[in-house]
Amino acid sequence: MKTDELWQKAIDEHNKKDYHEAHELFEDLWLELDDRTEKDTVQTLAQADALAVHLETRNLRAAQRLMRQLPELLQTFPNNYKNIDLREMKNWINYMISIIPPFGEIKDIPEKKPPNLIHG
């Protein structure tokens, strides 16, 4: 599958709320990319969808492990990539970072589902 097809399929699965499949597709896309900036953007999306899966399944320790990676990835996460507005996703990730501690107890987490990825 070409990178543009992988990208669109990953976006479609994410927007259908099949975060596991979207995560897998973003990882497949990540393997196909050469540019470091693009790889970081796609990796952030893959990690965000993995976080959504862990929150859905209440695998909170795995969610906490992601909290140790996502803040660094978010530093270079753009507002827009391939004509997809990523600002709401960036806000959601920042919110998750602010409420999920990297260690210790996790209280109930509202807004577990990330926003849809829309053209913009």
C-alpha atoms as a PDB file:
ATOM      1  CA  MET A   1       0.000   0.000   0.000  1.00  0.00           C
ATOM      2  CA  LYS A   2       1.316   3.467  -0.853  1.00  0.00           C
ATOM      3  CA  THR A   3       1.953   5.987   1.895  1.00  0.00           C
ATOM      4  CA  ASP A   4      -0.966   8.200   0.838  1.00  0.00           C
ATOM      5  CA  GLU A   5      -3.299   5.195   0.964  1.00  0.00           C
ATOM      6  CA  LEU A   6      -1.971   4.164   4.386  1.00  0.00           C
ATOM      7  CA  TRP A   7      -2.432   7.721   5.634  1.00  0.00           C
ATOM      8  CA  GLN A   8      -6.045   7.902   4.440  1.00  0.00           C
ATOM      9  CA  LYS A   9      -6.909   4.446   5.781  1.00  0.00           C
ATOM     10  CA  ALA A  10      -5.384   5.319   9.181  1.00  0.00           C
ATOM     11  CA  ILE A  11      -7.397   8.556   9.295  1.00  0.00           C
ATOM     12  CA  ASP A  12     -10.581   6.682   8.317  1.00  0.00           C
ATOM     13  CA  GLU A  13     -10.092   4.007  10.999  1.00  0.00           C
ATOM     14  CA  HIS A  14      -9.307   6.632  13.622  1.00  0.00           C
ATOM     15  CA  ASN A  15     -12.465   8.548  12.750  1.00  0.00           C
ATOM     16  CA  LYS A  16     -14.489   5.294  12.945  1.00  0.00           C
ATOM     17  CA  LYS A  17     -13.078   5.031  16.494  1.00  0.00           C
ATOM     18  CA  ASP A  18     -11.205   1.831  15.675  1.00  0.00           C
ATOM     19  CA  TYR A  19      -8.135   3.100  17.471  1.00  0.00           C
ATOM     20  CA  HIS A  20      -6.371  -0.263  17.477  1.00  0.00           C
ATOM     21  CA  GLU A  21      -6.523  -0.565  13.690  1.00  0.00           C
ATOM     22  CA  ALA A  22      -5.603   3.106  13.253  1.00  0.00           C
ATOM     23  CA  HIS A  23      -2.592   2.600  15.539  1.00  0.00           C
ATOM     24  CA  GLU A  24      -1.437  -0.359  13.436  1.00  0.00           C
ATOM     25  CA  LEU A  25      -1.858   1.591  10.191  1.00  0.00           C
ATOM     26  CA  PHE A  26      -0.002   4.619  11.569  1.00  0.00           C
ATOM     27  CA  GLU A  27       2.826   2.273  12.593  1.00  0.00           C
ATOM     28  CA  ASP A  28       2.902   0.745   9.094  1.00  0.00           C
ATOM     29  CA  LEU A  29       3.056   4.248   7.638  1.00  0.00           C
ATOM     30  CA  TRP A  30       5.829   5.215  10.082  1.00  0.00           C
ATOM     31  CA  LEU A  31       7.948   2.353   8.738  1.00  0.00           C
ATOM     32  CA  GLU A  32       7.544   3.653   5.172  1.00  0.00           C
ATOM     33  CA  LEU A  33       8.614   7.246   5.888  1.00  0.00           C
ATOM     34  CA  ASP A  34      12.157   8.585   5.696  1.00  0.00           C
ATOM     35  CA  ASP A  35      11.745  12.177   6.879  1.00  0.00           C
ATOM     36  CA  ARG A  36      12.310  12.503  10.655  1.00  0.00           C
ATOM     37  CA  THR A  37       9.682  15.228  11.098  1.00  0.00           C
ATOM     38  CA  GLU A  38       7.052  13.185   9.287  1.00  0.00           C
ATOM     39  CA  LYS A  39       7.989  10.076  11.251  1.00  0.00           C
ATOM     40  CA  ASP A  40       7.597  11.984  14.540  1.00  0.00           C
ATOM     41  CA  THR A  41       4.175  13.296  13.512  1.00  0.00           C
ATOM     42  CA  VAL A  42       2.914   9.849  12.522  1.00  0.00           C
ATOM     43  CA  GLN A  43       4.450   8.274  15.639  1.00  0.00           C
ATOM     44  CA  THR A  44       2.598  10.794  17.805  1.00  0.00           C
ATOM     45  CA  LEU A  45      -0.689   9.843  16.135  1.00  0.00           C
ATOM     46  CA  ALA A  46       0.105   6.141  16.565  1.00  0.00           C
ATOM     47  CA  GLN A  47       0.865   6.694  20.259  1.00  0.00           C
ATOM     48  CA  ALA A  48      -2.304   8.752  20.741  1.00  0.00           C
ATOM     49  CA  ASP A  49      -4.398   5.941  19.276  1.00  0.00           C
ATOM     50  CA  ALA A  50      -2.538   3.402  21.425  1.00  0.00           C
ATOM     51  CA  LEU A  51      -3.377   5.580  24.436  1.00  0.00           C
ATOM     52  CA  ALA A  52      -7.054   5.566  23.444  1.00  0.00           C
ATOM     53  CA  VAL A  53      -6.967   1.743  23.257  1.00  0.00           C
ATOM     54  CA  HIS A  54      -5.316   1.483  26.686  1.00  0.00           C
ATOM     55  CA  LEU A  55      -7.893   3.842  28.197  1.00  0.00           C
ATOM     56  CA  GLU A  56     -10.783   1.881  26.637  1.00  0.00           C
ATOM     57  CA  THR A  57      -9.427  -1.403  27.971  1.00  0.00           C
ATOM     58  CA  ARG A  58      -8.432   0.128  31.340  1.00  0.00           C
ATOM     59  CA  ASN A  59      -4.803  -0.909  30.792  1.00  0.00           C
ATOM     60  CA  LEU A  60      -3.713   2.049  32.848  1.00  0.00           C
ATOM     61  CA  ARG A  61      -0.087   0.996  33.345  1.00  0.00           C
ATOM     62  CA  ALA A  62       0.385   0.915  29.575  1.00  0.00           C
ATOM     63  CA  ALA A  63      -1.271   4.345  29.371  1.00  0.00           C
ATOM     64  CA  GLN A  64       1.206   5.616  31.941  1.00  0.00           C
ATOM     65  CA  ARG A  65       4.135   4.294  29.902  1.00  0.00           C
ATOM     66  CA  LEU A  66       2.915   6.381  26.970  1.00  0.00           C
ATOM     67  CA  MET A  67       2.863   9.426  29.228  1.00  0.00           C
ATOM     68  CA  ARG A  68       6.627   9.121  29.412  1.00  0.00           C
ATOM     69  CA  GLN A  69       6.928   9.349  25.572  1.00  0.00           C
ATOM     70  CA  LEU A  70       4.137  11.628  24.417  1.00  0.00           C
ATOM     71  CA  PRO A  71       5.347  14.901  25.994  1.00  0.00           C
ATOM     72  CA  GLU A  72       8.603  14.759  24.025  1.00  0.00           C
ATOM     73  CA  LEU A  73       6.864  13.810  20.782  1.00  0.00           C
ATOM     74  CA  LEU A  74       4.344  16.609  21.239  1.00  0.00           C
ATOM     75  CA  GLN A  75       7.112  19.243  21.198  1.00  0.00           C
ATOM     76  CA  THR A  76       7.413  18.971  17.407  1.00  0.00           C
ATOM     77  CA  PHE A  77       3.819  17.931  16.637  1.00  0.00           C
ATOM     78  CA  PRO A  78       2.466  20.309  13.957  1.00  0.00           C
ATOM     79  CA  ASN A  79      -0.909  22.010  13.835  1.00  0.00           C
ATOM     80  CA  ASN A  80      -1.520  20.602  10.370  1.00  0.00           C
ATOM     81  CA  TYR A  81      -0.157  17.633   8.460  1.00  0.00           C
ATOM     82  CA  LYS A  82      -1.195  16.430   4.999  1.00  0.00           C
ATOM     83  CA  ASN A  83      -4.198  18.750   5.112  1.00  0.00           C
ATOM     84  CA  ILE A  84      -5.445  17.344   8.441  1.00  0.00           C
ATOM     85  CA  ASP A  85      -5.997  19.832  11.237  1.00  0.00           C
ATOM     86  CA  LEU A  86      -4.147  18.430  14.270  1.00  0.00           C
ATOM     87  CA  ARG A  87      -4.842  21.210  16.780  1.00  0.00           C
ATOM     88  CA  GLU A  88      -7.678  19.375  18.546  1.00  0.00           C
ATOM     89  CA  MET A  89      -5.555  16.231  18.730  1.00  0.00           C
ATOM     90  CA  LYS A  90      -2.686  18.258  20.186  1.00  0.00           C
ATOM     91  CA  ASN A  91      -5.078  19.719  22.779  1.00  0.00           C
ATOM     92  CA  TRP A  92      -6.393  16.244  23.658  1.00  0.00           C
ATOM     93  CA  ILE A  93      -2.887  14.851  24.077  1.00  0.00           C
ATOM     94  CA  ASN A  94      -1.906  17.824  26.247  1.00  0.00           C
ATOM     95  CA  TYR A  95      -5.031  17.251  28.336  1.00  0.00           C
ATOM     96  CA  MET A  96      -4.182  13.548  28.756  1.00  0.00           C
ATOM     97  CA  ILE A  97      -0.637  14.486  29.758  1.00  0.00           C
ATOM     98  CA  SER A  98      -2.039  16.863  32.373  1.00  0.00           C
ATOM     99  CA  ILE A  99      -4.399  14.316  33.988  1.00  0.00           C
ATOM    100  CA  ILE A 100      -2.552  10.997  33.660  1.00  0.00           C
ATOM    101  CA  PRO A 101       0.426  10.824  35.978  1.00  0.00           C
ATOM    102  CA  PRO A 102       3.439   8.887  34.657  1.00  0.00           C
ATOM    103  CA  PHE A 103       3.438   6.802  37.869  1.00  0.00           C
ATOM    104  CA  GLY A 104       1.054   5.998  40.711  1.00  0.00           C
ATOM    105  CA  GLU A 105      -2.722   5.982  40.902  1.00  0.00           C
ATOM    106  CA  ILE A 106      -4.943   7.148  38.063  1.00  0.00           C
ATOM    107  CA  LYS A 107      -8.311   8.597  38.842  1.00  0.00           C
ATOM    108  CA  ASP A 108     -11.260   8.362  36.464  1.00  0.00           C
ATOM    109  CA  ILE A 109     -10.403   9.882  33.095  1.00  0.00           C
ATOM    110  CA  PRO A 110     -13.066  11.902  31.305  1.00  0.00           C
ATOM    111  CA  GLU A 111     -12.935  12.406  27.543  1.00  0.00           C
ATOM    112  CA  LYS A 112     -11.079   9.163  26.883  1.00  0.00           C
ATOM    113  CA  LYS A 113     -11.687   9.254  23.161  1.00  0.00           C
ATOM    114  CA  PRO A 114      -9.485  11.464  21.005  1.00  0.00           C
ATOM    115  CA  PRO A 115     -11.085  13.905  18.577  1.00  0.00           C
ATOM    116  CA  ASN A 116     -11.719  13.044  14.967  1.00  0.00           C
ATOM    117  CA  LEU A 117      -9.055  14.019  12.477  1.00  0.00           C
ATOM    118  CA  ILE A 118     -10.619  16.399   9.985  1.00  0.00           C
ATOM    119  CA  HIS A 119      -9.428  18.140   6.851  1.00  0.00           C
ATOM    120  CA  GLY A 120      -8.637  21.748   7.413  1.00  0.00           C
END
